[in-house]
PDB file of N, CA and C in Angstrom:
ATOM      1  N   LEU A   1       2.548  41.726   8.542  1.00  0.00           N
ATOM      2  CA  LEU A   1       3.388  41.480   9.251  1.00  0.00           C
ATOM      3  C   LEU A   1       3.615  40.900  10.686  1.00  0.00           C
ATOM      4  N   GLU A   2       2.509  40.656  11.299  1.00  0.00           N
ATOM      5  CA  GLU A   2       2.087  39.954  12.308  1.00  0.00           C
ATOM      6  C   GLU A   2       3.069  37.943  12.270  1.00  0.00           C
ATOM      7  N   MET A   3       2.531  37.831  11.346  1.00  0.00           N
ATOM      8  CA  MET A   3       2.682  36.459  10.840  1.00  0.00           C
ATOM      9  C   MET A   3       4.301  36.271  10.491  1.00  0.00           C
ATOM     10  N   GLY A   4       4.612  37.048  10.164  1.00  0.00           N
ATOM     11  CA  GLY A   4       6.341  37.192   9.876  1.00  0.00           C
ATOM     12  C   GLY A   4       6.306  37.075   8.236  1.00  0.00           C
ATOM     13  N   LYS A   5       5.349  37.415   7.299  1.00  0.00           N
ATOM     14  CA  LYS A   5       5.563  37.430   5.894  1.00  0.00           C
ATOM     15  C   LYS A   5       5.578  38.641   5.238  1.00  0.00           C
ATOM     16  N   ILE A   6       7.054  39.173   5.460  1.00  0.00           N
ATOM     17  CA  ILE A   6       7.242  40.756   5.137  1.00  0.00           C
ATOM     18  C   ILE A   6       7.068  40.711   3.785  1.00  0.00           C
ATOM     19  N   GLU A   7       7.023  39.926   2.409  1.00  0.00           N
ATOM     20  CA  GLU A   7       6.936  40.224   1.298  1.00  0.00           C
ATOM     21  C   GLU A   7       5.851  40.624   1.241  1.00  0.00           C
ATOM     22  N   LYS A   8       4.607  39.292   1.886  1.00  0.00           N
ATOM     23  CA  LYS A   8       3.549  39.352   1.752  1.00  0.00           C
ATOM     24  C   LYS A   8       2.843  40.985   2.230  1.00  0.00           C
ATOM     25  N   ALA A   9       2.956  40.941   3.416  1.00  0.00           N
ATOM     26  CA  ALA A   9       2.858  42.456   3.969  1.00  0.00           C
ATOM     27  C   ALA A   9       2.641  43.371   2.786  1.00  0.00           C
ATOM     28  N   ALA A  10       3.869  43.632   2.738  1.00  0.00           N
ATOM     29  CA  ALA A  10       4.747  44.859   1.804  1.00  0.00           C
ATOM     30  C   ALA A  10       3.779  44.700   0.575  1.00  0.00           C
ATOM     31  N   GLU A  11       2.705  43.954  -0.085  1.00  0.00           N
ATOM     32  CA  GLU A  11       2.325  43.795  -1.290  1.00  0.00           C
ATOM     33  C   GLU A  11       1.051  43.880  -1.457  1.00  0.00           C
ATOM     34  N   ILE A  12       0.501  43.650  -0.017  1.00  0.00           N
ATOM     35  CA  ILE A  12      -0.934  44.381   0.748  1.00  0.00           C
ATOM     36  C   ILE A  12      -0.728  45.762   0.874  1.00  0.00           C
ATOM     37  N   LEU A  13      -0.015  46.099   1.676  1.00  0.00           N
ATOM     38  CA  LEU A  13      -0.213  47.151   1.664  1.00  0.00           C
ATOM     39  C   LEU A  13       0.065  48.580   0.758  1.00  0.00           C
ATOM     40  N   ALA A  14       1.203  47.851  -0.388  1.00  0.00           N
ATOM     41  CA  ALA A  14       1.131  48.702  -1.389  1.00  0.00           C
ATOM     42  C   ALA A  14      -0.151  49.154  -2.464  1.00  0.00           C
ATOM     43  N   TYR A  15      -0.799  47.512  -2.230  1.00  0.00           N
ATOM     44  CA  TYR A  15      -2.044  47.518  -3.049  1.00  0.00           C
ATOM     45  C   TYR A  15      -3.158  48.572  -2.456  1.00  0.00           C
ATOM     46  N   GLY A  16      -2.950  48.340  -0.896  1.00  0.00           N
ATOM     47  CA  GLY A  16      -3.797  48.894  -0.035  1.00  0.00           C
ATOM     48  C   GLY A  16      -3.468  51.002  -0.147  1.00  0.00           C
ATOM     49  N   LEU A  17      -2.376  50.939  -0.434  1.00  0.00           N
ATOM     50  CA  LEU A  17      -2.448  52.817  -0.642  1.00  0.00           C
ATOM     51  C   LEU A  17      -2.606  52.839  -2.226  1.00  0.00           C
ATOM     52  N   GLU A  18      -2.320  51.937  -3.191  1.00  0.00           N
ATOM     53  CA  GLU A  18      -3.347  52.836  -4.302  1.00  0.00           C
ATOM     54  C   GLU A  18      -4.394  53.434  -4.395  1.00  0.00           C
ATOM     55  N   LEU A  19      -5.015  52.568  -3.180  1.00  0.00           N
ATOM     56  CA  LEU A  19      -6.706  52.348  -3.200  1.00  0.00           C
ATOM     57  C   LEU A  19      -6.771  53.554  -1.932  1.00  0.00           C
ATOM     58  N   ALA A  20      -6.027  53.746  -1.048  1.00  0.00           N
ATOM     59  CA  ALA A  20      -6.458  54.785  -0.336  1.00  0.00           C
ATOM     60  C   ALA A  20      -5.107  55.392   0.423  1.00  0.00           C
ATOM     61  N   PRO A  21      -4.685  56.433  -0.605  1.00  0.00           N
ATOM     62  CA  PRO A  21      -3.560  56.944  -0.823  1.00  0.00           C
ATOM     63  C   PRO A  21      -3.631  57.945   0.673  1.00  0.00           C
ATOM     64  N   ASP A  22      -4.043  58.239   1.051  1.00  0.00           N
ATOM     65  CA  ASP A  22      -4.308  58.722   2.020  1.00  0.00           C
ATOM     66  C   ASP A  22      -4.407  58.583   4.103  1.00  0.00           C
ATOM     67  N   ALA A  23      -4.518  57.474   4.079  1.00  0.00           N
ATOM     68  CA  ALA A  23      -4.143  56.399   5.180  1.00  0.00           C
ATOM     69  C   ALA A  23      -3.237  56.589   5.652  1.00  0.00           C
ATOM     70  N   PRO A  24      -3.561  57.174   7.129  1.00  0.00           N
ATOM     71  CA  PRO A  24      -1.798  56.790   7.872  1.00  0.00           C
ATOM     72  C   PRO A  24      -1.756  55.382   8.404  1.00  0.00           C
ATOM     73  N   TYR A  25      -2.721  54.681   9.050  1.00  0.00           N
ATOM     74  CA  TYR A  25      -2.368  53.425   9.104  1.00  0.00           C
ATOM     75  C   TYR A  25      -1.737  52.840   8.329  1.00  0.00           C
ATOM     76  N   LEU A  26      -1.716  53.126   6.887  1.00  0.00           N
ATOM     77  CA  LEU A  26      -2.057  51.418   5.556  1.00  0.00           C
ATOM     78  C   LEU A  26       0.571  52.613   5.860  1.00  0.00           C
ATOM     79  N   TYR A  27       0.609  53.454   5.701  1.00  0.00           N
ATOM     80  CA  TYR A  27       2.179  54.010   5.695  1.00  0.00           C
ATOM     81  C   TYR A  27       2.692  53.974   7.623  1.00  0.00           C
ATOM     82  N   LYS A  28       1.986  53.765   8.053  1.00  0.00           N
ATOM     83  CA  LYS A  28       2.630  53.490   9.760  1.00  0.00           C
ATOM     84  C   LYS A  28       3.075  51.773   9.138  1.00  0.00           C
ATOM     85  N   ASN A  29       1.718  50.685   8.681  1.00  0.00           N
ATOM     86  CA  ASN A  29       2.583  49.860   9.021  1.00  0.00           C
ATOM     87  C   ASN A  29       3.095  49.328   7.455  1.00  0.00           C
ATOM     88  N   MET A  30       3.157  50.690   6.212  1.00  0.00           N
ATOM     89  CA  MET A  30       4.518  49.699   5.471  1.00  0.00           C
ATOM     90  C   MET A  30       5.936  50.126   6.282  1.00  0.00           C
ATOM     91  N   GLY A  31       5.811  51.152   7.026  1.00  0.00           N
ATOM     92  CA  GLY A  31       6.963  51.749   7.501  1.00  0.00           C
ATOM     93  C   GLY A  31       8.009  50.595   8.528  1.00  0.00           C
ATOM     94  N   ARG A  32       6.754  50.325   9.126  1.00  0.00           N
ATOM     95  CA  ARG A  32       6.995  48.231  10.060  1.00  0.00           C
ATOM     96  C   ARG A  32       8.065  47.870   9.317  1.00  0.00           C
ATOM     97  N   VAL A  33       7.065  47.175   7.801  1.00  0.00           N
ATOM     98  CA  VAL A  33       7.334  46.449   6.670  1.00  0.00           C
ATOM     99  C   VAL A  33       8.958  46.538   6.234  1.00  0.00           C
ATOM    100  N   HIS A  34       9.172  48.026   6.280  1.00  0.00           N
ATOM    101  CA  HIS A  34      10.202  48.825   5.666  1.00  0.00           C
ATOM    102  C   HIS A  34      11.459  47.881   6.922  1.00  0.00           C
ATOM    103  N   LEU A  35      10.983  48.637   7.781  1.00  0.00           N
ATOM    104  CA  LEU A  35      11.804  48.260   9.213  1.00  0.00           C
ATOM    105  C   LEU A  35      12.224  46.818   9.412  1.00  0.00           C
ATOM    106  N   ALA A  36      11.415  45.866   9.175  1.00  0.00           N
ATOM    107  CA  ALA A  36      11.220  44.404   9.261  1.00  0.00           C
ATOM    108  C   ALA A  36      12.785  44.100   8.264  1.00  0.00           C
ATOM    109  N   GLN A  37      12.128  44.837   6.539  1.00  0.00           N
ATOM    110  CA  GLN A  37      13.423  44.454   5.818  1.00  0.00           C
ATOM    111  C   GLN A  37      14.443  45.289   5.505  1.00  0.00           C
ATOM    112  N   GLY A  38      14.980  45.788   6.855  1.00  0.00           N
ATOM    113  CA  GLY A  38      15.826  46.774   6.632  1.00  0.00           C
ATOM    114  C   GLY A  38      16.583  47.236   6.516  1.00  0.00           C
ATOM    115  N   ASP A  39      15.188  48.650   6.112  1.00  0.00           N
ATOM    116  CA  ASP A  39      15.751  49.667   5.319  1.00  0.00           C
ATOM    117  C   ASP A  39      15.027  50.496   6.042  1.00  0.00           C
ATOM    118  N   PRO A  40      15.625  51.318   7.133  1.00  0.00           N
ATOM    119  CA  PRO A  40      14.634  51.816   8.183  1.00  0.00           C
ATOM    120  C   PRO A  40      14.883  53.587   6.565  1.00  0.00           C
ATOM    121  N   ALA A  41      15.378  53.814   6.126  1.00  0.00           N
ATOM    122  CA  ALA A  41      15.621  54.856   5.340  1.00  0.00           C
ATOM    123  C   ALA A  41      14.162  55.531   4.897  1.00  0.00           C
ATOM    124  N   LYS A  42      14.039  54.108   4.095  1.00  0.00           N
ATOM    125  CA  LYS A  42      12.356  53.918   3.485  1.00  0.00           C
ATOM    126  C   LYS A  42      11.761  54.148   4.969  1.00  0.00           C
ATOM    127  N   ALA A  43      11.949  53.049   5.955  1.00  0.00           N
ATOM    128  CA  ALA A  43      11.007  53.204   7.045  1.00  0.00           C
ATOM    129  C   ALA A  43      10.055  54.655   7.508  1.00  0.00           C
ATOM    130  N   THR A  44      11.561  55.200   7.510  1.00  0.00           N
ATOM    131  CA  THR A  44      12.021  57.297   8.172  1.00  0.00           C
ATOM    132  C   THR A  44      10.329  57.973   7.512  1.00  0.00           C
ATOM    133  N   SER A  45      11.084  57.548   6.193  1.00  0.00           N
ATOM    134  CA  SER A  45       9.493  58.296   5.537  1.00  0.00           C
ATOM    135  C   SER A  45       8.194  57.572   5.260  1.00  0.00           C
ATOM    136  N   SER A  46       8.179  56.709   5.726  1.00  0.00           N
ATOM    137  CA  SER A  46       6.532  56.148   6.056  1.00  0.00           C
ATOM    138  C   SER A  46       6.126  56.297   6.707  1.00  0.00           C
ATOM    139  N   PHE A  47       6.923  56.255   8.599  1.00  0.00           N
ATOM    140  CA  PHE A  47       6.058  57.386   9.453  1.00  0.00           C
ATOM    141  C   PHE A  47       5.925  59.025   9.701  1.00  0.00           C
ATOM    142  N   GLN A  48       6.663  59.528   8.624  1.00  0.00           N
ATOM    143  CA  GLN A  48       6.598  60.653   8.488  1.00  0.00           C
ATOM    144  C   GLN A  48       5.105  61.444   7.511  1.00  0.00           C
ATOM    145  N   GLN A  49       5.144  59.968   6.457  1.00  0.00           N
ATOM    146  CA  GLN A  49       3.997  60.736   5.997  1.00  0.00           C
ATOM    147  C   GLN A  49       3.002  59.886   6.693  1.00  0.00           C
ATOM    148  N   ALA A  50       2.448  58.728   7.454  1.00  0.00           N
ATOM    149  CA  ALA A  50       1.957  58.619   8.371  1.00  0.00           C
ATOM    150  C   ALA A  50       1.278  59.688   9.460  1.00  0.00           C
ATOM    151  N   ILE A  51       2.677  60.601   9.707  1.00  0.00           N
ATOM    152  CA  ILE A  51       2.126  61.300  10.582  1.00  0.00           C
ATOM    153  C   ILE A  51       1.294  62.604  10.169  1.00  0.00           C
ATOM    154  N   LEU A  52       2.394  62.979   9.160  1.00  0.00           N
ATOM    155  CA  LEU A  52       2.021  64.025   8.726  1.00  0.00           C
ATOM    156  C   LEU A  52       0.283  64.051   8.127  1.00  0.00           C
ATOM    157  N   LEU A  53      -0.251  62.822   8.006  1.00  0.00           N
ATOM    158  CA  LEU A  53      -1.788  62.317   7.231  1.00  0.00           C
ATOM    159  C   LEU A  53      -2.482  62.201   8.526  1.00  0.00           C
ATOM    160  N   SER A  54      -1.861  61.919   9.597  1.00  0.00           N
ATOM    161  CA  SER A  54      -3.174  62.122  10.556  1.00  0.00           C
ATOM    162  C   SER A  54      -3.728  63.181  11.168  1.00  0.00           C
ATOM    163  N   PRO A  55      -4.885  62.905  11.705  1.00  0.00           N
ATOM    164  CA  PRO A  55      -5.379  64.354  12.309  1.00  0.00           C
ATOM    165  C   PRO A  55      -4.779  65.232  13.116  1.00  0.00           C
ATOM    166  N   GLU A  56      -4.018  66.295  12.766  1.00  0.00           N
ATOM    167  CA  GLU A  56      -3.447  67.132  14.187  1.00  0.00           C
ATOM    168  C   GLU A  56      -2.252  66.432  13.771  1.00  0.00           C
ATOM    169  N   ASN A  57      -1.764  65.645  12.759  1.00  0.00           N
ATOM    170  CA  ASN A  57       0.330  65.621  12.790  1.00  0.00           C
ATOM    171  C   ASN A  57       0.615  64.669  14.411  1.00  0.00           C
ATOM    172  N   VAL A  58      -0.543  63.893  15.003  1.00  0.00           N
ATOM    173  CA  VAL A  58      -0.753  63.599  16.614  1.00  0.00           C
ATOM    174  C   VAL A  58      -0.639  61.744  16.262  1.00  0.00           C
ATOM    175  N   TYR A  59       0.556  61.176  15.711  1.00  0.00           N
ATOM    176  CA  TYR A  59       0.101  59.698  16.035  1.00  0.00           C
ATOM    177  C   TYR A  59       1.345  58.791  16.656  1.00  0.00           C
ATOM    178  N   PRO A  60       1.332  58.590  17.552  1.00  0.00           N
ATOM    179  CA  PRO A  60       2.028  57.596  19.130  1.00  0.00           C
ATOM    180  C   PRO A  60       2.728  56.740  18.268  1.00  0.00           C
ATOM    181  N   GLU A  61       1.400  55.765  18.344  1.00  0.00           N
ATOM    182  CA  GLU A  61       2.525  54.578  16.907  1.00  0.00           C
ATOM    183  C   GLU A  61       3.106  55.326  15.919  1.00  0.00           C
ATOM    184  N   ALA A  62       3.241  55.399  14.892  1.00  0.00           N
ATOM    185  CA  ALA A  62       4.148  56.086  14.089  1.00  0.00           C
ATOM    186  C   ALA A  62       5.267  56.548  14.766  1.00  0.00           C
ATOM    187  N   THR A  63       5.069  57.907  15.602  1.00  0.00           N
ATOM    188  CA  THR A  63       6.080  58.767  16.116  1.00  0.00           C
ATOM    189  C   THR A  63       6.906  57.693  17.133  1.00  0.00           C
ATOM    190  N   TYR A  64       6.664  56.306  17.952  1.00  0.00           N
ATOM    191  CA  TYR A  64       7.399  55.574  18.132  1.00  0.00           C
ATOM    192  C   TYR A  64       7.889  55.243  17.009  1.00  0.00           C
ATOM    193  N   TYR A  65       7.690  54.215  16.107  1.00  0.00           N
ATOM    194  CA  TYR A  65       8.378  53.639  15.510  1.00  0.00           C
ATOM    195  C   TYR A  65       9.733  54.502  14.454  1.00  0.00           C
ATOM    196  N   LEU A  66       8.595  55.990  14.822  1.00  0.00           N
ATOM    197  CA  LEU A  66      10.218  56.957  13.762  1.00  0.00           C
ATOM    198  C   LEU A  66      11.209  57.269  14.478  1.00  0.00           C
ATOM    199  N   ALA A  67      10.577  56.935  16.212  1.00  0.00           N
ATOM    200  CA  ALA A  67      12.605  56.862  16.453  1.00  0.00           C
ATOM    201  C   ALA A  67      12.955  55.869  16.561  1.00  0.00           C
ATOM    202  N   LEU A  68      12.846  55.083  16.387  1.00  0.00           N
ATOM    203  CA  LEU A  68      13.301  53.724  16.127  1.00  0.00           C
ATOM    204  C   LEU A  68      14.492  53.733  15.133  1.00  0.00           C
ATOM    205  N   ALA A  69      13.568  54.186  13.901  1.00  0.00           N
ATOM    206  CA  ALA A  69      13.985  53.875  12.402  1.00  0.00           C
ATOM    207  C   ALA A  69      15.128  55.380  12.474  1.00  0.00           C
ATOM    208  N   ASN A  70      14.508  56.784  13.266  1.00  0.00           N
ATOM    209  CA  ASN A  70      15.980  57.009  13.168  1.00  0.00           C
ATOM    210  C   ASN A  70      17.413  56.481  13.511  1.00  0.00           C
ATOM    211  N   LYS A  71      17.020  55.788  15.293  1.00  0.00           N
ATOM    212  CA  LYS A  71      17.899  55.183  15.588  1.00  0.00           C
ATOM    213  C   LYS A  71      18.897  54.312  14.442  1.00  0.00           C
ATOM    214  N   GLU A  72      18.186  53.495  13.999  1.00  0.00           N
ATOM    215  CA  GLU A  72      18.861  52.119  13.046  1.00  0.00           C
ATOM    216  C   GLU A  72      19.921  53.420  11.797  1.00  0.00           C
ATOM    217  N   VAL A  73      19.067  54.497  11.537  1.00  0.00           N
ATOM    218  CA  VAL A  73      19.565  54.938  10.682  1.00  0.00           C
ATOM    219  C   VAL A  73      21.177  56.027  10.897  1.00  0.00           C
ATOM    220  N   GLY A  74      21.363  55.585  12.617  1.00  0.00           N
ATOM    221  CA  GLY A  74      22.432  56.683  13.169  1.00  0.00           C
ATOM    222  C   GLY A  74      21.949  58.162  13.710  1.00  0.00           C
ATOM    223  N   LYS A  75      20.808  58.451  13.402  1.00  0.00           N
ATOM    224  CA  LYS A  75      20.458  59.837  13.993  1.00  0.00           C
ATOM    225  C   LYS A  75      19.532  59.941  15.263  1.00  0.00           C
ATOM    226  N   THR A  76      21.007  59.609  15.871  1.00  0.00           N
ATOM    227  CA  THR A  76      20.358  59.355  17.684  1.00  0.00           C
ATOM    228  C   THR A  76      19.242  61.123  18.159  1.00  0.00           C
ATOM    229  N   GLN A  77      20.310  61.824  17.834  1.00  0.00           N
ATOM    230  CA  GLN A  77      19.740  62.832  17.713  1.00  0.00           C
ATOM    231  C   GLN A  77      18.313  63.601  17.585  1.00  0.00           C
ATOM    232  N   ASP A  78      18.181  62.683  16.517  1.00  0.00           N
ATOM    233  CA  ASP A  78      16.950  63.009  15.679  1.00  0.00           C
ATOM    234  C   ASP A  78      15.738  61.874  16.394  1.00  0.00           C
ATOM    235  N   ALA A  79      16.573  60.746  16.852  1.00  0.00           N
ATOM    236  CA  ALA A  79      15.642  59.792  17.656  1.00  0.00           C
ATOM    237  C   ALA A  79      15.083  60.177  18.878  1.00  0.00           C
ATOM    238  N   CYS A  80      16.270  60.655  19.428  1.00  0.00           N
ATOM    239  CA  CYS A  80      15.721  61.392  21.215  1.00  0.00           C
ATOM    240  C   CYS A  80      14.641  62.170  21.019  1.00  0.00           C
ATOM    241  N   GLN A  81      14.838  62.850  20.416  1.00  0.00           N
ATOM    242  CA  GLN A  81      13.897  64.406  19.836  1.00  0.00           C
ATOM    243  C   GLN A  81      12.065  63.370  19.645  1.00  0.00           C
ATOM    244  N   THR A  82      12.451  62.433  18.564  1.00  0.00           N
ATOM    245  CA  THR A  82      11.409  61.866  18.358  1.00  0.00           C
ATOM    246  C   THR A  82      10.627  61.325  19.672  1.00  0.00           C
ATOM    247  N   LEU A  83      11.423  60.762  20.635  1.00  0.00           N
ATOM    248  CA  LEU A  83      10.626  60.276  21.556  1.00  0.00           C
ATOM    249  C   LEU A  83      10.647  61.524  22.318  1.00  0.00           C
ATOM    250  N   LEU A  84      10.755  61.794  22.675  1.00  0.00           N
ATOM    251  CA  LEU A  84      10.380  63.037  23.444  1.00  0.00           C
ATOM    252  C   LEU A  84       9.048  63.811  22.677  1.00  0.00           C
ATOM    253  N   ARG A  85       8.860  63.842  21.365  1.00  0.00           N
ATOM    254  CA  ARG A  85       7.435  63.789  21.026  1.00  0.00           C
ATOM    255  C   ARG A  85       6.810  62.748  21.746  1.00  0.00           C
ATOM    256  N   TYR A  86       6.992  61.556  21.214  1.00  0.00           N
ATOM    257  CA  TYR A  86       6.969  60.526  21.900  1.00  0.00           C
ATOM    258  C   TYR A  86       5.713  60.325  23.395  1.00  0.00           C
ATOM    259  N   ALA A  87       6.288  60.737  23.959  1.00  0.00           N
ATOM    260  CA  ALA A  87       6.500  60.711  25.761  1.00  0.00           C
ATOM    261  C   ALA A  87       5.018  61.478  25.452  1.00  0.00           C
ATOM    262  N   VAL A  88       5.029  62.706  25.012  1.00  0.00           N
ATOM    263  CA  VAL A  88       4.364  63.994  25.540  1.00  0.00           C
ATOM    264  C   VAL A  88       2.412  62.756  24.577  1.00  0.00           C
ATOM    265  N   MET A  89       2.376  61.608  23.705  1.00  0.00           N
ATOM    266  CA  MET A  89       1.300  61.888  23.709  1.00  0.00           C
ATOM    267  C   MET A  89       0.973  59.900  23.810  1.00  0.00           C
ATOM    268  N   SER A  90       1.718  59.338  24.479  1.00  0.00           N
ATOM    269  CA  SER A  90       2.374  58.179  24.906  1.00  0.00           C
ATOM    270  C   SER A  90       1.035  57.581  26.077  1.00  0.00           C
ATOM    271  N   LYS A  91       0.527  58.635  27.012  1.00  0.00           N
ATOM    272  CA  LYS A  91      -0.721  57.951  26.755  1.00  0.00           C
ATOM    273  C   LYS A  91      -1.558  57.726  26.269  1.00  0.00           C
ATOM    274  N   GLN A  92      -1.160  57.833  25.156  1.00  0.00           N
ATOM    275  CA  GLN A  92      -2.526  57.626  24.362  1.00  0.00           C
ATOM    276  C   GLN A  92      -2.257  56.330  23.340  1.00  0.00           C
ATOM    277  N   ASP A  93      -1.410  55.472  24.016  1.00  0.00           N
ATOM    278  CA  ASP A  93      -0.710  54.237  23.146  1.00  0.00           C
ATOM    279  C   ASP A  93      -0.951  53.373  24.007  1.00  0.00           C
ATOM    280  N   GLU A  94      -0.347  51.596  23.647  1.00  0.00           N
ATOM    281  CA  GLU A  94      -0.194  50.771  24.120  1.00  0.00           C
ATOM    282  C   GLU A  94       1.091  51.327  25.566  1.00  0.00           C
ATOM    283  N   PRO A  95       0.774  50.845  26.609  1.00  0.00           N
ATOM    284  CA  PRO A  95       1.632  50.916  27.322  1.00  0.00           C
ATOM    285  C   PRO A  95       2.936  49.751  27.840  1.00  0.00           C
ATOM    286  N   LYS A  96       2.793  48.679  27.341  1.00  0.00           N
ATOM    287  CA  LYS A  96       3.898  48.158  26.470  1.00  0.00           C
ATOM    288  C   LYS A  96       5.119  49.170  25.347  1.00  0.00           C
ATOM    289  N   ARG A  97       4.007  49.786  24.954  1.00  0.00           N
ATOM    290  CA  ARG A  97       5.297  50.431  24.055  1.00  0.00           C
ATOM    291  C   ARG A  97       5.994  51.500  25.012  1.00  0.00           C
ATOM    292  N   SER A  98       4.604  52.009  25.361  1.00  0.00           N
ATOM    293  CA  SER A  98       5.531  53.362  26.128  1.00  0.00           C
ATOM    294  C   SER A  98       6.422  52.780  27.339  1.00  0.00           C
ATOM    295  N   GLU A  99       6.550  52.058  28.183  1.00  0.00           N
ATOM    296  CA  GLU A  99       7.837  51.749  28.544  1.00  0.00           C
ATOM    297  C   GLU A  99       9.071  50.811  27.779  1.00  0.00           C
ATOM    298  N   GLN A 100       8.742  50.603  26.610  1.00  0.00           N
ATOM    299  CA  GLN A 100      10.156  50.437  25.564  1.00  0.00           C
ATOM    300  C   GLN A 100      10.417  51.421  25.567  1.00  0.00           C
ATOM    301  N   ALA A 101       9.818  52.749  25.243  1.00  0.00           N
ATOM    302  CA  ALA A 101      10.365  54.128  25.107  1.00  0.00           C
ATOM    303  C   ALA A 101      11.172  54.791  25.732  1.00  0.00           C
ATOM    304  N   GLU A 102      10.562  53.860  26.863  1.00  0.00           N
ATOM    305  CA  GLU A 102      11.433  55.349  28.512  1.00  0.00           C
ATOM    306  C   GLU A 102      12.690  54.261  28.580  1.00  0.00           C
ATOM    307  N   LYS A 103      12.627  52.587  28.314  1.00  0.00           N
ATOM    308  CA  LYS A 103      14.032  52.053  28.274  1.00  0.00           C
ATOM    309  C   LYS A 103      15.073  52.438  26.698  1.00  0.00           C
ATOM    310  N   PHE A 104      14.556  52.909  25.914  1.00  0.00           N
ATOM    311  CA  PHE A 104      15.573  53.503  24.864  1.00  0.00           C
ATOM    312  C   PHE A 104      15.960  54.490  24.619  1.00  0.00           C
ATOM    313  N   PHE A 105      15.030  55.458  25.877  1.00  0.00           N
ATOM    314  CA  PHE A 105      15.666  57.208  25.569  1.00  0.00           C
ATOM    315  C   PHE A 105      16.468  56.686  27.243  1.00  0.00           C
ATOM    316  N   ALA A 106      16.821  56.253  27.772  1.00  0.00           N
ATOM    317  CA  ALA A 106      17.688  55.385  28.888  1.00  0.00           C
ATOM    318  C   ALA A 106      19.557  55.213  27.735  1.00  0.00           C
ATOM    319  N   ASP A 107      18.814  53.437  27.521  1.00  0.00           N
ATOM    320  CA  ASP A 107      19.881  53.611  26.305  1.00  0.00           C
ATOM    321  C   ASP A 107      20.362  54.257  25.323  1.00  0.00           C
ATOM    322  N   TRP A 108      19.731  55.114  24.972  1.00  0.00           N
ATOM    323  CA  TRP A 108      20.185  55.872  23.508  1.00  0.00           C
ATOM    324  C   TRP A 108      20.881  57.110  24.414  1.00  0.00           C
ATOM    325  N   GLN A 109      20.767  57.074  25.862  1.00  0.00           N
ATOM    326  CA  GLN A 109      21.145  58.076  26.821  1.00  0.00           C
ATOM    327  C   GLN A 109      20.743  59.551  25.618  1.00  0.00           C
ATOM    328  N   CYS A 110      19.529  59.716  25.473  1.00  0.00           N
ATOM    329  CA  CYS A 110      19.351  60.747  25.484  1.00  0.00           C
ATOM    330  C   CYS A 110      19.242  61.459  26.888  1.00  0.00           C
ATOM    331  N   ALA A 111      19.291  62.882  26.292  1.00  0.00           N
ATOM    332  CA  ALA A 111      19.242  64.128  27.473  1.00  0.00           C
ATOM    333  C   ALA A 111      18.404  63.994  28.686  1.00  0.00           C
ATOM    334  N   SER A 112      16.868  63.977  28.560  1.00  0.00           N
ATOM    335  CA  SER A 112      16.262  64.097  29.727  1.00  0.00           C
ATOM    336  C   SER A 112      14.705  63.399  29.188  1.00  0.00           C
ATOM    337  N   LEU A 113      13.559  63.191  30.038  1.00  0.00           N
ATOM    338  CA  LEU A 113      11.936  63.032  29.641  1.00  0.00           C
ATOM    339  C   LEU A 113      11.379  64.675  30.483  1.00  0.00           C
ATOM    340  N   PRO A 114      10.621  64.548  29.959  1.00  0.00           N
ATOM    341  CA  PRO A 114       9.630  65.691  30.500  1.00  0.00           C
ATOM    342  C   PRO A 114       9.022  65.234  31.432  1.00  0.00           C
TER     343      PRO A 114
END
């Protein structure tokens, strides 16, 4: 995925999901592939599954990407609510992603940060 080989990444992740259907990181990465393929609806589903399968339903990276997918499907309110959930757990995530989330919050004109 990081090398830009989207179709190969999709193939490998699909195989991984056959072998480990309860692995949240595989769903998160499949969601990123769906975003790269221009299919935010499928991405949303994958990110939601990653979050659902993660311990205590907490997965900062998947939550961040879920916000992006929600925005891409035109669900700005859902995207803002997801960014709020992400803000609570963002200290557990990469600082760059946290900073980008704050920028999205302002750009998308979300109500307020916690």
